[in-house]
Amino acid sequence: MIHAEDIDGIYQRAIDIGGRSSSLPSDWTVPHPEGLGTIKFRT
């Protein structure tokens, strides 16, 4: 697991130099552990 700022750029560089795609960059959410709404990620 890598935290990064430029998800789309990292993904594209990885694929361009021989990485194999598993999932395209996309946004998703999970419930906040203290019930404060949702946490949004890009992965």
PDB file of all heavy atoms in Angstrom:
ATOM      1  N   MET A   1       0.851  -1.193   0.000  1.00  0.00           N
ATOM      2  CA  MET A   1       0.000   0.000   0.000  1.00  0.00           C
ATOM      3  C   MET A   1       0.886   1.242   0.000  1.00  0.00           C
ATOM      4  O   MET A   1       1.713   1.409   0.889  1.00  0.00           O
ATOM      5  CB  MET A   1      -0.896   0.023   1.240  1.00  0.00           C
ATOM      6  CG  MET A   1      -1.832  -1.161   1.356  1.00  0.00           C
ATOM      7  SD  MET A   1      -3.156  -1.149   0.143  1.00  0.00           S
ATOM      8  CE  MET A   1      -4.062   0.301   0.612  1.00  0.00           C
ATOM      9  N   ILE A   2       0.680   2.101  -0.986  1.00  0.00           N
ATOM     10  CA  ILE A   2       1.479   3.306  -1.133  1.00  0.00           C
ATOM     11  C   ILE A   2       0.547   4.518  -1.119  1.00  0.00           C
ATOM     12  O   ILE A   2      -0.414   4.567  -1.894  1.00  0.00           O
ATOM     13  CB  ILE A   2       2.264   3.296  -2.472  1.00  0.00           C
ATOM     14  CG1 ILE A   2       3.066   2.018  -2.650  1.00  0.00           C
ATOM     15  CG2 ILE A   2       3.111   4.554  -2.613  1.00  0.00           C
ATOM     16  CD1 ILE A   2       4.181   1.831  -1.664  1.00  0.00           C
ATOM     17  N   HIS A   3       0.826   5.472  -0.235  1.00  0.00           N
ATOM     18  CA  HIS A   3       0.090   6.736  -0.258  1.00  0.00           C
ATOM     19  C   HIS A   3       0.772   7.630  -1.280  1.00  0.00           C
ATOM     20  O   HIS A   3       2.003   7.740  -1.308  1.00  0.00           O
ATOM     21  CB  HIS A   3       0.113   7.420   1.109  1.00  0.00           C
ATOM     22  CG  HIS A   3      -0.469   8.788   1.051  1.00  0.00           C
ATOM     23  ND1 HIS A   3       0.299   9.907   0.837  1.00  0.00           N
ATOM     24  CD2 HIS A   3      -1.746   9.217   1.123  1.00  0.00           C
ATOM     25  CE1 HIS A   3      -0.490  10.964   0.795  1.00  0.00           C
ATOM     26  NE2 HIS A   3      -1.734  10.577   0.972  1.00  0.00           N
ATOM     27  N   ALA A   4      -0.017   8.261  -2.141  1.00  0.00           N
ATOM     28  CA  ALA A   4       0.549   9.119  -3.182  1.00  0.00           C
ATOM     29  C   ALA A   4      -0.421  10.241  -3.507  1.00  0.00           C
ATOM     30  O   ALA A   4      -1.614  10.144  -3.223  1.00  0.00           O
ATOM     31  CB  ALA A   4       0.844   8.297  -4.438  1.00  0.00           C
ATOM     32  N   GLU A   5       0.096  11.282  -4.108  1.00  0.00           N
ATOM     33  CA  GLU A   5      -0.739  12.408  -4.522  1.00  0.00           C
ATOM     34  C   GLU A   5      -1.273  12.228  -5.935  1.00  0.00           C
ATOM     35  O   GLU A   5      -2.427  12.504  -6.206  1.00  0.00           O
ATOM     36  CB  GLU A   5       0.055  13.719  -4.414  1.00  0.00           C
ATOM     37  CG  GLU A   5       0.369  14.110  -2.985  1.00  0.00           C
ATOM     38  CD  GLU A   5      -0.881  14.364  -2.162  1.00  0.00           C
ATOM     39  OE1 GLU A   5      -1.812  15.029  -2.658  1.00  0.00           O
ATOM     40  OE2 GLU A   5      -0.935  13.886  -1.009  1.00  0.00           O
ATOM     41  N   ASP A   6      -0.427  11.797  -6.865  1.00  0.00           N
ATOM     42  CA  ASP A   6      -0.788  11.721  -8.284  1.00  0.00           C
ATOM     43  C   ASP A   6      -1.114  10.277  -8.675  1.00  0.00           C
ATOM     44  O   ASP A   6      -0.319   9.601  -9.320  1.00  0.00           O
ATOM     45  CB  ASP A   6       0.360  12.277  -9.132  1.00  0.00           C
ATOM     46  CG  ASP A   6       0.048  12.277 -10.614  1.00  0.00           C
ATOM     47  OD1 ASP A   6      -1.132  12.112 -11.001  1.00  0.00           O
ATOM     48  OD2 ASP A   6       1.000  12.433 -11.406  1.00  0.00           O
ATOM     49  N   ILE A   7      -2.273   9.813  -8.296  1.00  0.00           N
ATOM     50  CA  ILE A   7      -2.681   8.423  -8.545  1.00  0.00           C
ATOM     51  C   ILE A   7      -2.683   8.120 -10.042  1.00  0.00           C
ATOM     52  O   ILE A   7      -2.151   7.099 -10.485  1.00  0.00           O
ATOM     53  CB  ILE A   7      -4.069   8.140  -7.931  1.00  0.00           C
ATOM     54  CG1 ILE A   7      -4.072   8.429  -6.430  1.00  0.00           C
ATOM     55  CG2 ILE A   7      -4.525   6.716  -8.248  1.00  0.00           C
ATOM     56  CD1 ILE A   7      -3.043   7.675  -5.631  1.00  0.00           C
ATOM     57  N   ASP A   8      -3.269   9.002 -10.832  1.00  0.00           N
ATOM     58  CA  ASP A   8      -3.368   8.764 -12.276  1.00  0.00           C
ATOM     59  C   ASP A   8      -1.991   8.720 -12.937  1.00  0.00           C
ATOM     60  O   ASP A   8      -1.728   7.858 -13.779  1.00  0.00           O
ATOM     61  CB  ASP A   8      -4.251   9.832 -12.923  1.00  0.00           C
ATOM     62  CG  ASP A   8      -5.679   9.765 -12.405  1.00  0.00           C
ATOM     63  OD1 ASP A   8      -5.939  10.252 -11.277  1.00  0.00           O
ATOM     64  OD2 ASP A   8      -6.534   9.222 -13.112  1.00  0.00           O
ATOM     65  N   GLY A   9      -1.101   9.634 -12.547  1.00  0.00           N
ATOM     66  CA  GLY A   9       0.249   9.664 -13.117  1.00  0.00           C
ATOM     67  C   GLY A   9       1.057   8.437 -12.750  1.00  0.00           C
ATOM     68  O   GLY A   9       1.746   7.851 -13.599  1.00  0.00           O
ATOM     69  N   ILE A  10       0.983   8.024 -11.486  1.00  0.00           N
ATOM     70  CA  ILE A  10       1.709   6.827 -11.044  1.00  0.00           C
ATOM     71  C   ILE A  10       1.196   5.602 -11.782  1.00  0.00           C
ATOM     72  O   ILE A  10       1.970   4.783 -12.279  1.00  0.00           O
ATOM     73  CB  ILE A  10       1.587   6.648  -9.522  1.00  0.00           C
ATOM     74  CG1 ILE A  10       2.470   7.675  -8.815  1.00  0.00           C
ATOM     75  CG2 ILE A  10       1.954   5.230  -9.091  1.00  0.00           C
ATOM     76  CD1 ILE A  10       2.294   7.711  -7.319  1.00  0.00           C
ATOM     77  N   TYR A  11      -0.114   5.470 -11.860  1.00  0.00           N
ATOM     78  CA  TYR A  11      -0.708   4.323 -12.559  1.00  0.00           C
ATOM     79  C   TYR A  11      -0.225   4.274 -14.012  1.00  0.00           C
ATOM     80  O   TYR A  11       0.219   3.230 -14.488  1.00  0.00           O
ATOM     81  CB  TYR A  11      -2.235   4.410 -12.507  1.00  0.00           C
ATOM     82  CG  TYR A  11      -2.909   3.353 -13.330  1.00  0.00           C
ATOM     83  CD1 TYR A  11      -3.099   2.069 -12.821  1.00  0.00           C
ATOM     84  CD2 TYR A  11      -3.328   3.617 -14.629  1.00  0.00           C
ATOM     85  CE1 TYR A  11      -3.698   1.088 -13.588  1.00  0.00           C
ATOM     86  CE2 TYR A  11      -3.922   2.645 -15.401  1.00  0.00           C
ATOM     87  CZ  TYR A  11      -4.110   1.380 -14.878  1.00  0.00           C
ATOM     88  OH  TYR A  11      -4.704   0.402 -15.641  1.00  0.00           O
ATOM     89  N   GLN A  12      -0.275   5.407 -14.697  1.00  0.00           N
ATOM     90  CA  GLN A  12       0.120   5.428 -16.109  1.00  0.00           C
ATOM     91  C   GLN A  12       1.599   5.094 -16.281  1.00  0.00           C
ATOM     92  O   GLN A  12       1.964   4.328 -17.177  1.00  0.00           O
ATOM     93  CB  GLN A  12      -0.202   6.784 -16.748  1.00  0.00           C
ATOM     94  CG  GLN A  12      -0.126   6.746 -18.258  1.00  0.00           C
ATOM     95  CD  GLN A  12      -1.077   5.712 -18.841  1.00  0.00           C
ATOM     96  OE1 GLN A  12      -2.277   5.736 -18.595  1.00  0.00           O
ATOM     97  NE2 GLN A  12      -0.542   4.770 -19.619  1.00  0.00           N
ATOM     98  N   ARG A  13       2.470   5.646 -15.417  1.00  0.00           N
ATOM     99  CA  ARG A  13       3.896   5.319 -15.508  1.00  0.00           C
ATOM    100  C   ARG A  13       4.117   3.827 -15.282  1.00  0.00           C
ATOM    101  O   ARG A  13       4.921   3.199 -15.977  1.00  0.00           O
ATOM    102  CB  ARG A  13       4.703   6.133 -14.487  1.00  0.00           C
ATOM    103  CG  ARG A  13       4.958   7.560 -14.891  1.00  0.00           C
ATOM    104  CD  ARG A  13       5.992   8.249 -14.034  1.00  0.00           C
ATOM    105  NE  ARG A  13       5.692   8.272 -12.613  1.00  0.00           N
ATOM    106  CZ  ARG A  13       4.896   9.157 -12.018  1.00  0.00           C
ATOM    107  NH1 ARG A  13       4.290  10.088 -12.736  1.00  0.00           N
ATOM    108  NH2 ARG A  13       4.709   9.115 -10.707  1.00  0.00           N
ATOM    109  N   ALA A  14       3.431   3.264 -14.300  1.00  0.00           N
ATOM    110  CA  ALA A  14       3.587   1.830 -14.007  1.00  0.00           C
ATOM    111  C   ALA A  14       3.212   0.982 -15.204  1.00  0.00           C
ATOM    112  O   ALA A  14       3.943   0.050 -15.571  1.00  0.00           O
ATOM    113  CB  ALA A  14       2.745   1.448 -12.793  1.00  0.00           C
ATOM    114  N   ILE A  15       2.099   1.283 -15.823  1.00  0.00           N
ATOM    115  CA  ILE A  15       1.635   0.503 -16.977  1.00  0.00           C
ATOM    116  C   ILE A  15       2.576   0.703 -18.166  1.00  0.00           C
ATOM    117  O   ILE A  15       2.922  -0.242 -18.875  1.00  0.00           O
ATOM    118  CB  ILE A  15       0.177   0.877 -17.340  1.00  0.00           C
ATOM    119  CG1 ILE A  15      -0.757   0.620 -16.151  1.00  0.00           C
ATOM    120  CG2 ILE A  15      -0.286   0.134 -18.588  1.00  0.00           C
ATOM    121  CD1 ILE A  15      -0.632  -0.722 -15.473  1.00  0.00           C
ATOM    122  N   ASP A  16       3.029   1.936 -18.373  1.00  0.00           N
ATOM    123  CA  ASP A  16       3.919   2.248 -19.504  1.00  0.00           C
ATOM    124  C   ASP A  16       5.245   1.508 -19.436  1.00  0.00           C
ATOM    125  O   ASP A  16       5.857   1.247 -20.478  1.00  0.00           O
ATOM    126  CB  ASP A  16       4.197   3.756 -19.577  1.00  0.00           C
ATOM    127  CG  ASP A  16       2.996   4.562 -20.044  1.00  0.00           C
ATOM    128  OD1 ASP A  16       2.001   3.959 -20.523  1.00  0.00           O
ATOM    129  OD2 ASP A  16       3.042   5.808 -19.915  1.00  0.00           O
ATOM    130  N   ILE A  17       5.732   1.178 -18.226  1.00  0.00           N
ATOM    131  CA  ILE A  17       7.051   0.535 -18.130  1.00  0.00           C
ATOM    132  C   ILE A  17       6.985  -0.926 -17.685  1.00  0.00           C
ATOM    133  O   ILE A  17       7.955  -1.465 -17.170  1.00  0.00           O
ATOM    134  CB  ILE A  17       8.007   1.336 -17.231  1.00  0.00           C
ATOM    135  CG1 ILE A  17       7.487   1.437 -15.805  1.00  0.00           C
ATOM    136  CG2 ILE A  17       8.285   2.701 -17.824  1.00  0.00           C
ATOM    137  CD1 ILE A  17       8.501   2.014 -14.836  1.00  0.00           C
ATOM    138  N   GLY A  18       5.844  -1.563 -17.886  1.00  0.00           N
ATOM    139  CA  GLY A  18       5.795  -3.007 -17.669  1.00  0.00           C
ATOM    140  C   GLY A  18       4.946  -3.492 -16.517  1.00  0.00           C
ATOM    141  O   GLY A  18       4.858  -4.696 -16.289  1.00  0.00           O
ATOM    142  N   GLY A  19       4.304  -2.591 -15.777  1.00  0.00           N
ATOM    143  CA  GLY A  19       3.363  -3.034 -14.760  1.00  0.00           C
ATOM    144  C   GLY A  19       2.101  -3.571 -15.431  1.00  0.00           C
ATOM    145  O   GLY A  19       1.809  -3.242 -16.579  1.00  0.00           O
ATOM    146  N   ARG A  20       1.360  -4.401 -14.732  1.00  0.00           N
ATOM    147  CA  ARG A  20       0.136  -4.988 -15.280  1.00  0.00           C
ATOM    148  C   ARG A  20      -1.065  -4.483 -14.490  1.00  0.00           C
ATOM    149  O   ARG A  20      -1.124  -4.627 -13.282  1.00  0.00           O
ATOM    150  CB  ARG A  20       0.219  -6.512 -15.214  1.00  0.00           C
ATOM    151  CG  ARG A  20      -0.715  -7.223 -16.142  1.00  0.00           C
ATOM    152  CD  ARG A  20      -0.357  -8.692 -16.291  1.00  0.00           C
ATOM    153  NE  ARG A  20       0.238  -9.302 -15.121  1.00  0.00           N
ATOM    154  CZ  ARG A  20      -0.443  -9.690 -14.041  1.00  0.00           C
ATOM    155  NH1 ARG A  20      -1.719  -9.523 -13.970  1.00  0.00           N
ATOM    156  NH2 ARG A  20       0.193 -10.251 -13.018  1.00  0.00           N
ATOM    157  N   SER A  21      -2.013  -3.890 -15.181  1.00  0.00           N
ATOM    158  CA  SER A  21      -3.159  -3.264 -14.539  1.00  0.00           C
ATOM    159  C   SER A  21      -4.024  -4.271 -13.783  1.00  0.00           C
ATOM    160  O   SER A  21      -4.259  -5.386 -14.245  1.00  0.00           O
ATOM    161  CB  SER A  21      -4.024  -2.559 -15.588  1.00  0.00           C
ATOM    162  OG  SER A  21      -5.159  -1.994 -14.979  1.00  0.00           O
ATOM    163  N   SER A  22      -4.500  -3.833 -12.624  1.00  0.00           N
ATOM    164  CA  SER A  22      -5.513  -4.581 -11.895  1.00  0.00           C
ATOM    165  C   SER A  22      -6.792  -3.764 -11.836  1.00  0.00           C
ATOM    166  O   SER A  22      -7.859  -4.259 -12.139  1.00  0.00           O
ATOM    167  CB  SER A  22      -5.029  -4.916 -10.482  1.00  0.00           C
ATOM    168  OG  SER A  22      -6.025  -5.630  -9.785  1.00  0.00           O
ATOM    169  N   SER A  23      -6.685  -2.475 -11.458  1.00  0.00           N
ATOM    170  CA  SER A  23      -7.860  -1.597 -11.492  1.00  0.00           C
ATOM    171  C   SER A  23      -7.434  -0.190 -11.899  1.00  0.00           C
ATOM    172  O   SER A  23      -6.407   0.318 -11.441  1.00  0.00           O
ATOM    173  CB  SER A  23      -8.576  -1.565 -10.140  1.00  0.00           C
ATOM    174  OG  SER A  23      -7.765  -0.968  -9.158  1.00  0.00           O
ATOM    175  N   LEU A  24      -8.212   0.417 -12.755  1.00  0.00           N
ATOM    176  CA  LEU A  24      -7.971   1.783 -13.204  1.00  0.00           C
ATOM    177  C   LEU A  24      -8.144   2.745 -12.034  1.00  0.00           C
ATOM    178  O   LEU A  24      -8.846   2.422 -11.060  1.00  0.00           O
ATOM    179  CB  LEU A  24      -8.969   2.154 -14.303  1.00  0.00           C
ATOM    180  CG  LEU A  24      -8.852   1.374 -15.608  1.00  0.00           C
ATOM    181  CD1 LEU A  24     -10.056   1.665 -16.492  1.00  0.00           C
ATOM    182  CD2 LEU A  24      -7.567   1.725 -16.322  1.00  0.00           C
ATOM    183  N   PRO A  25      -7.559   3.934 -12.107  1.00  0.00           N
ATOM    184  CA  PRO A  25      -7.788   4.923 -11.054  1.00  0.00           C
ATOM    185  C   PRO A  25      -9.279   5.215 -10.901  1.00  0.00           C
ATOM    186  O   PRO A  25      -9.977   5.451 -11.888  1.00  0.00           O
ATOM    187  CB  PRO A  25      -7.037   6.155 -11.560  1.00  0.00           C
ATOM    188  CG  PRO A  25      -5.976   5.615 -12.468  1.00  0.00           C
ATOM    189  CD  PRO A  25      -6.607   4.415 -13.124  1.00  0.00           C
ATOM    190  N   SER A  26      -9.764   5.156  -9.666  1.00  0.00           N
ATOM    191  CA  SER A  26     -11.183   5.419  -9.415  1.00  0.00           C
ATOM    192  C   SER A  26     -11.371   5.922  -7.994  1.00  0.00           C
ATOM    193  O   SER A  26     -10.538   5.703  -7.121  1.00  0.00           O
ATOM    194  CB  SER A  26     -12.019   4.157  -9.657  1.00  0.00           C
ATOM    195  OG  SER A  26     -11.570   3.107  -8.811  1.00  0.00           O
ATOM    196  N   ASP A  27     -12.506   6.587  -7.774  1.00  0.00           N
ATOM    197  CA  ASP A  27     -12.860   7.110  -6.456  1.00  0.00           C
ATOM    198  C   ASP A  27     -13.794   6.128  -5.767  1.00  0.00           C
ATOM    199  O   ASP A  27     -14.601   5.462  -6.430  1.00  0.00           O
ATOM    200  CB  ASP A  27     -13.541   8.472  -6.588  1.00  0.00           C
ATOM    201  CG  ASP A  27     -12.623   9.536  -7.184  1.00  0.00           C
ATOM    202  OD1 ASP A  27     -11.403   9.305  -7.237  1.00  0.00           O
ATOM    203  OD2 ASP A  27     -13.138  10.588  -7.595  1.00  0.00           O
ATOM    204  N   TRP A  28     -13.693   6.062  -4.440  1.00  0.00           N
ATOM    205  CA  TRP A  28     -14.551   5.183  -3.650  1.00  0.00           C
ATOM    206  C   TRP A  28     -14.639   5.723  -2.227  1.00  0.00           C
ATOM    207  O   TRP A  28     -13.859   6.576  -1.841  1.00  0.00           O
ATOM    208  CB  TRP A  28     -14.038   3.738  -3.684  1.00  0.00           C
ATOM    209  CG  TRP A  28     -12.628   3.556  -3.194  1.00  0.00           C
ATOM    210  CD1 TRP A  28     -11.469   3.883  -3.862  1.00  0.00           C
ATOM    211  CD2 TRP A  28     -12.212   3.030  -1.939  1.00  0.00           C
ATOM    212  NE1 TRP A  28     -10.367   3.587  -3.087  1.00  0.00           N
ATOM    213  CE2 TRP A  28     -10.797   3.055  -1.896  1.00  0.00           C
ATOM    214  CE3 TRP A  28     -12.905   2.530  -0.824  1.00  0.00           C
ATOM    215  CZ2 TRP A  28     -10.063   2.611  -0.808  1.00  0.00           C
ATOM    216  CZ3 TRP A  28     -12.163   2.079   0.256  1.00  0.00           C
ATOM    217  CH2 TRP A  28     -10.760   2.121   0.246  1.00  0.00           C
ATOM    218  N   THR A  29     -15.602   5.222  -1.464  1.00  0.00           N
ATOM    219  CA  THR A  29     -15.803   5.716  -0.109  1.00  0.00           C
ATOM    220  C   THR A  29     -15.962   4.563   0.872  1.00  0.00           C
ATOM    221  O   THR A  29     -16.321   3.449   0.487  1.00  0.00           O
ATOM    222  CB  THR A  29     -17.052   6.614  -0.004  1.00  0.00           C
ATOM    223  OG1 THR A  29     -18.198   5.842  -0.358  1.00  0.00           O
ATOM    224  CG2 THR A  29     -16.947   7.829  -0.906  1.00  0.00           C
ATOM    225  N   VAL A  30     -15.683   4.872   2.134  1.00  0.00           N
ATOM    226  CA  VAL A  30     -15.959   3.962   3.253  1.00  0.00           C
ATOM    227  C   VAL A  30     -16.585   4.810   4.362  1.00  0.00           C
ATOM    228  O   VAL A  30     -16.331   6.012   4.444  1.00  0.00           O
ATOM    229  CB  VAL A  30     -14.685   3.261   3.794  1.00  0.00           C
ATOM    230  CG1 VAL A  30     -14.082   2.356   2.737  1.00  0.00           C
ATOM    231  CG2 VAL A  30     -13.660   4.258   4.286  1.00  0.00           C
ATOM    232  N   PRO A  31     -17.383   4.182   5.227  1.00  0.00           N
ATOM    233  CA  PRO A  31     -17.944   4.942   6.342  1.00  0.00           C
ATOM    234  C   PRO A  31     -16.837   5.370   7.308  1.00  0.00           C
ATOM    235  O   PRO A  31     -15.882   4.626   7.542  1.00  0.00           O
ATOM    236  CB  PRO A  31     -18.882   3.949   7.028  1.00  0.00           C
ATOM    237  CG  PRO A  31     -19.029   2.799   6.105  1.00  0.00           C
ATOM    238  CD  PRO A  31     -17.861   2.807   5.176  1.00  0.00           C
ATOM    239  N   HIS A  32     -16.969   6.569   7.848  1.00  0.00           N
ATOM    240  CA  HIS A  32     -16.038   7.047   8.867  1.00  0.00           C
ATOM    241  C   HIS A  32     -16.191   6.158  10.104  1.00  0.00           C
ATOM    242  O   HIS A  32     -17.311   5.817  10.491  1.00  0.00           O
ATOM    243  CB  HIS A  32     -16.341   8.509   9.206  1.00  0.00           C
ATOM    244  CG  HIS A  32     -15.306   9.162  10.039  1.00  0.00           C
ATOM    245  ND1 HIS A  32     -15.168   8.908  11.385  1.00  0.00           N
ATOM    246  CD2 HIS A  32     -14.341  10.059   9.723  1.00  0.00           C
ATOM    247  CE1 HIS A  32     -14.177   9.625  11.869  1.00  0.00           C
ATOM    248  NE2 HIS A  32     -13.656  10.338  10.877  1.00  0.00           N
ATOM    249  N   PRO A  33     -15.085   5.750  10.763  1.00  0.00           N
ATOM    250  CA  PRO A  33     -15.198   4.826  11.900  1.00  0.00           C
ATOM    251  C   PRO A  33     -15.965   5.395  13.097  1.00  0.00           C
ATOM    252  O   PRO A  33     -16.439   4.644  13.934  1.00  0.00           O
ATOM    253  CB  PRO A  33     -13.746   4.529  12.279  1.00  0.00           C
ATOM    254  CG  PRO A  33     -12.940   5.620  11.682  1.00  0.00           C
ATOM    255  CD  PRO A  33     -13.702   6.106  10.479  1.00  0.00           C
ATOM    256  N   GLU A  34     -16.113   6.722  13.156  1.00  0.00           N
ATOM    257  CA  GLU A  34     -16.847   7.336  14.266  1.00  0.00           C
ATOM    258  C   GLU A  34     -18.208   7.855  13.820  1.00  0.00           C
ATOM    259  O   GLU A  34     -18.818   8.688  14.497  1.00  0.00           O
ATOM    260  CB  GLU A  34     -16.006   8.447  14.892  1.00  0.00           C
ATOM    261  CG  GLU A  34     -14.730   7.921  15.525  1.00  0.00           C
ATOM    262  CD  GLU A  34     -13.857   9.030  16.076  1.00  0.00           C
ATOM    263  OE1 GLU A  34     -14.267  10.207  16.073  1.00  0.00           O
ATOM    264  OE2 GLU A  34     -12.736   8.703  16.519  1.00  0.00           O
ATOM    265  N   GLY A  35     -18.680   7.379  12.657  1.00  0.00           N
ATOM    266  CA  GLY A  35     -19.998   7.780  12.186  1.00  0.00           C
ATOM    267  C   GLY A  35     -20.086   9.206  11.701  1.00  0.00           C
ATOM    268  O   GLY A  35     -21.154   9.807  11.732  1.00  0.00           O
ATOM    269  N   LEU A  36     -18.991   9.791  11.239  1.00  0.00           N
ATOM    270  CA  LEU A  36     -18.954  11.188  10.809  1.00  0.00           C
ATOM    271  C   LEU A  36     -19.185  11.351   9.310  1.00  0.00           C
ATOM    272  O   LEU A  36     -18.705  12.294   8.711  1.00  0.00           O
ATOM    273  CB  LEU A  36     -17.615  11.822  11.189  1.00  0.00           C
ATOM    274  CG  LEU A  36     -17.253  11.815  12.671  1.00  0.00           C
ATOM    275  CD1 LEU A  36     -15.883  12.435  12.888  1.00  0.00           C
ATOM    276  CD2 LEU A  36     -18.304  12.546  13.481  1.00  0.00           C
ATOM    277  N   GLY A  37     -19.873  10.444   8.683  1.00  0.00           N
ATOM    278  CA  GLY A  37     -20.088  10.515   7.242  1.00  0.00           C
ATOM    279  C   GLY A  37     -19.219   9.497   6.535  1.00  0.00           C
ATOM    280  O   GLY A  37     -19.040   8.378   7.016  1.00  0.00           O
ATOM    281  N   THR A  38     -18.657   9.892   5.389  1.00  0.00           N
ATOM    282  CA  THR A  38     -17.833   8.971   4.623  1.00  0.00           C
ATOM    283  C   THR A  38     -16.459   9.560   4.352  1.00  0.00           C
ATOM    284  O   THR A  38     -16.275  10.778   4.295  1.00  0.00           O
ATOM    285  CB  THR A  38     -18.491   8.614   3.268  1.00  0.00           C
ATOM    286  OG1 THR A  38     -18.707   9.808   2.536  1.00  0.00           O
ATOM    287  CG2 THR A  38     -19.800   7.876   3.467  1.00  0.00           C
ATOM    288  N   ILE A  39     -15.500   8.666   4.190  1.00  0.00           N
ATOM    289  CA  ILE A  39     -14.138   9.029   3.809  1.00  0.00           C
ATOM    290  C   ILE A  39     -14.000   8.686   2.335  1.00  0.00           C
ATOM    291  O   ILE A  39     -14.363   7.580   1.915  1.00  0.00           O
ATOM    292  CB  ILE A  39     -13.093   8.265   4.634  1.00  0.00           C
ATOM    293  CG1 ILE A  39     -13.329   8.502   6.130  1.00  0.00           C
ATOM    294  CG2 ILE A  39     -11.680   8.672   4.229  1.00  0.00           C
ATOM    295  CD1 ILE A  39     -12.496   7.609   7.025  1.00  0.00           C
ATOM    296  N   LYS A  40     -13.492   9.622   1.550  1.00  0.00           N
ATOM    297  CA  LYS A  40     -13.370   9.418   0.109  1.00  0.00           C
ATOM    298  C   LYS A  40     -11.907   9.240  -0.275  1.00  0.00           C
ATOM    299  O   LYS A  40     -11.044   9.983   0.185  1.00  0.00           O
ATOM    300  CB  LYS A  40     -13.964  10.605  -0.642  1.00  0.00           C
ATOM    301  CG  LYS A  40     -13.987  10.429  -2.143  1.00  0.00           C
ATOM    302  CD  LYS A  40     -14.688  11.596  -2.817  1.00  0.00           C
ATOM    303  CE  LYS A  40     -14.758  11.406  -4.318  1.00  0.00           C
ATOM    304  NZ  LYS A  40     -15.432  12.529  -4.982  1.00  0.00           N
ATOM    305  N   PHE A  41     -11.638   8.242  -1.119  1.00  0.00           N
ATOM    306  CA  PHE A  41     -10.298   7.921  -1.595  1.00  0.00           C
ATOM    307  C   PHE A  41     -10.274   7.884  -3.119  1.00  0.00           C
ATOM    308  O   PHE A  41     -11.298   7.704  -3.765  1.00  0.00           O
ATOM    309  CB  PHE A  41      -9.873   6.525  -1.111  1.00  0.00           C
ATOM    310  CG  PHE A  41      -9.771   6.386   0.369  1.00  0.00           C
ATOM    311  CD1 PHE A  41     -10.850   5.915   1.111  1.00  0.00           C
ATOM    312  CD2 PHE A  41      -8.594   6.696   1.032  1.00  0.00           C
ATOM    313  CE1 PHE A  41     -10.761   5.764   2.482  1.00  0.00           C
ATOM    314  CE2 PHE A  41      -8.493   6.550   2.404  1.00  0.00           C
ATOM    315  CZ  PHE A  41      -9.576   6.085   3.134  1.00  0.00           C
ATOM    316  N   ARG A  42      -9.084   8.002  -3.665  1.00  0.00           N
ATOM    317  CA  ARG A  42      -8.820   7.695  -5.075  1.00  0.00           C
ATOM    318  C   ARG A  42      -7.727   6.635  -5.069  1.00  0.00           C
ATOM    319  O   ARG A  42      -6.691   6.798  -4.430  1.00  0.00           O
ATOM    320  CB  ARG A  42      -8.367   8.917  -5.857  1.00  0.00           C
ATOM    321  CG  ARG A  42      -8.143   8.610  -7.349  1.00  0.00           C
ATOM    322  CD  ARG A  42      -8.309   9.858  -8.197  1.00  0.00           C
ATOM    323  NE  ARG A  42      -8.250   9.571  -9.623  1.00  0.00           N
ATOM    324  CZ  ARG A  42      -9.260   9.130 -10.359  1.00  0.00           C
ATOM    325  NH1 ARG A  42     -10.437   8.908  -9.806  1.00  0.00           N
ATOM    326  NH2 ARG A  42      -9.114   8.900 -11.647  1.00  0.00           N
ATOM    327  N   THR A  43      -7.976   5.536  -5.787  1.00  0.00           N
ATOM    328  CA  THR A  43      -7.074   4.388  -5.752  1.00  0.00           C
ATOM    329  C   THR A  43      -6.907   3.797  -7.142  1.00  0.00           C
ATOM    330  O   THR A  43      -7.838   3.798  -7.939  1.00  0.00           O
ATOM    331  CB  THR A  43      -7.628   3.300  -4.796  1.00  0.00           C
ATOM    332  OG1 THR A  43      -7.749   3.847  -3.493  1.00  0.00           O
ATOM    333  CG2 THR A  43      -6.723   2.077  -4.746  1.00  0.00           C
TER     334      THR A  43
END
